Amino acid sequence: MMCFSANACFGSFILLSMIGVAAVAKTKSSSQVMFASIPFVFAIQQMT
């Protein structure tokens, strides 16, 4: 899905990346890292 404006895409990329960093930082075990990194997948999708 493409955004209607470049600013919206970039803003959602920044927001999703920050959520991903916070989620990965709060993981307690290494098995949770894959689930915590899901926001990064959506952030990358916003940049393409």
N, C-alpha and C. Protein backbone atom coordinates (compact mmCIF):
# COMPACT_ATOMS: atom_id res chain seq x y z
N MET A 1 0.85 -1.17 0.00
CA MET A 1 0.00 0.00 0.00
C MET A 1 0.90 1.24 0.00
N MET A 2 0.55 2.18 -0.80
CA MET A 2 1.35 3.40 -0.87
C MET A 2 0.63 4.52 -0.12
N CYS A 3 1.40 5.38 0.49
CA CYS A 3 0.84 6.54 1.17
C CYS A 3 0.46 7.60 0.13
N PHE A 4 -0.39 8.51 0.55
CA PHE A 4 -0.80 9.59 -0.32
C PHE A 4 0.22 10.72 -0.35
N SER A 5 1.06 10.80 0.67
CA SER A 5 2.08 11.84 0.68
C SER A 5 3.38 11.27 1.24
N ALA A 6 4.47 11.86 0.81
CA ALA A 6 5.78 11.42 1.29
C ALA A 6 5.95 11.71 2.78
N ASN A 7 5.36 12.82 3.23
CA ASN A 7 5.45 13.16 4.66
C ASN A 7 4.75 12.13 5.53
N ALA A 8 3.60 11.64 5.08
CA ALA A 8 2.87 10.63 5.84
C ALA A 8 3.66 9.32 5.89
N CYS A 9 4.25 8.94 4.77
CA CYS A 9 5.07 7.72 4.75
C CYS A 9 6.27 7.84 5.67
N PHE A 10 6.96 8.97 5.59
CA PHE A 10 8.13 9.15 6.43
C PHE A 10 7.74 9.22 7.92
N GLY A 11 6.64 9.89 8.22
CA GLY A 11 6.18 9.97 9.61
C GLY A 11 5.81 8.62 10.17
N SER A 12 5.12 7.80 9.37
CA SER A 12 4.76 6.47 9.85
C SER A 12 5.99 5.58 9.96
N PHE A 13 6.98 5.77 9.09
CA PHE A 13 8.24 5.03 9.21
C PHE A 13 8.92 5.34 10.53
N ILE A 14 8.99 6.63 10.87
CA ILE A 14 9.64 7.04 12.13
C ILE A 14 8.88 6.47 13.32
N LEU A 15 7.56 6.59 13.30
CA LEU A 15 6.74 6.11 14.42
C LEU A 15 6.87 4.60 14.60
N LEU A 16 6.77 3.85 13.51
CA LEU A 16 6.89 2.40 13.60
C LEU A 16 8.28 1.97 14.01
N SER A 17 9.30 2.70 13.58
CA SER A 17 10.66 2.36 13.99
C SER A 17 10.86 2.58 15.48
N MET A 18 10.31 3.67 16.00
CA MET A 18 10.43 3.93 17.44
C MET A 18 9.68 2.87 18.25
N ILE A 19 8.52 2.46 17.78
CA ILE A 19 7.77 1.39 18.45
C ILE A 19 8.56 0.09 18.42
N GLY A 20 9.20 -0.19 17.30
CA GLY A 20 10.02 -1.39 17.18
C GLY A 20 11.21 -1.39 18.12
N VAL A 21 11.86 -0.25 18.23
CA VAL A 21 13.00 -0.14 19.15
C VAL A 21 12.55 -0.34 20.60
N ALA A 22 11.43 0.26 20.95
CA ALA A 22 10.92 0.11 22.32
C ALA A 22 10.51 -1.34 22.60
N ALA A 23 9.89 -1.97 21.62
CA ALA A 23 9.45 -3.36 21.81
C ALA A 23 10.64 -4.30 21.96
N VAL A 24 11.66 -4.12 21.14
CA VAL A 24 12.84 -4.98 21.24
C VAL A 24 13.58 -4.72 22.55
N ALA A 25 13.61 -3.47 22.98
CA ALA A 25 14.31 -3.15 24.24
C ALA A 25 13.61 -3.76 25.45
N LYS A 26 12.30 -3.98 25.36
CA LYS A 26 11.56 -4.51 26.50
C LYS A 26 11.47 -6.03 26.53
N THR A 27 12.05 -6.70 25.54
CA THR A 27 11.98 -8.16 25.52
C THR A 27 12.79 -8.74 26.67
N LYS A 28 12.29 -9.81 27.21
CA LYS A 28 12.96 -10.47 28.34
C LYS A 28 13.80 -11.66 27.89
N SER A 29 13.42 -12.29 26.79
CA SER A 29 14.19 -13.43 26.31
C SER A 29 14.41 -13.32 24.81
N SER A 30 15.36 -14.07 24.33
CA SER A 30 15.69 -13.99 22.91
C SER A 30 14.59 -14.55 22.02
N SER A 31 13.74 -15.41 22.56
CA SER A 31 12.66 -15.96 21.75
C SER A 31 11.57 -14.93 21.46
N GLN A 32 11.54 -13.83 22.18
CA GLN A 32 10.54 -12.79 21.97
C GLN A 32 10.99 -11.74 20.96
N VAL A 33 12.24 -11.77 20.56
CA VAL A 33 12.77 -10.73 19.68
C VAL A 33 12.09 -10.75 18.32
N MET A 34 11.78 -11.93 17.79
CA MET A 34 11.12 -12.01 16.48
C MET A 34 9.75 -11.34 16.52
N PHE A 35 8.99 -11.57 17.57
CA PHE A 35 7.68 -10.93 17.69
C PHE A 35 7.83 -9.43 17.92
N ALA A 36 8.82 -9.04 18.68
CA ALA A 36 9.01 -7.62 18.97
C ALA A 36 9.51 -6.85 17.76
N SER A 37 10.10 -7.53 16.80
CA SER A 37 10.62 -6.84 15.62
C SER A 37 9.60 -6.73 14.49
N ILE A 38 8.37 -7.16 14.69
CA ILE A 38 7.32 -7.04 13.67
C ILE A 38 7.10 -5.59 13.24
N PRO A 39 7.12 -4.60 14.14
CA PRO A 39 6.95 -3.22 13.67
C PRO A 39 8.03 -2.78 12.67
N PHE A 40 9.22 -3.37 12.74
CA PHE A 40 10.26 -3.03 11.77
C PHE A 40 9.87 -3.46 10.36
N VAL A 41 9.16 -4.58 10.25
CA VAL A 41 8.70 -5.05 8.94
C VAL A 41 7.75 -4.02 8.33
N PHE A 42 6.84 -3.51 9.13
CA PHE A 42 5.90 -2.51 8.64
C PHE A 42 6.60 -1.18 8.37
N ALA A 43 7.61 -0.86 9.14
CA ALA A 43 8.36 0.37 8.90
C ALA A 43 9.10 0.30 7.57
N ILE A 44 9.70 -0.85 7.29
CA ILE A 44 10.39 -1.01 6.00
C ILE A 44 9.39 -0.92 4.86
N GLN A 45 8.20 -1.47 5.05
CA GLN A 45 7.18 -1.41 4.02
C GLN A 45 6.77 0.04 3.74
N GLN A 46 6.79 0.89 4.74
CA GLN A 46 6.43 2.29 4.54
C GLN A 46 7.49 3.04 3.76
N MET A 47 8.73 2.59 3.81
CA MET A 47 9.80 3.28 3.10
C MET A 47 9.89 2.87 1.64
N THR A 48 9.23 1.77 1.28
CA THR A 48 9.30 1.33 -0.12
C THR A 48 8.13 1.83 -0.92
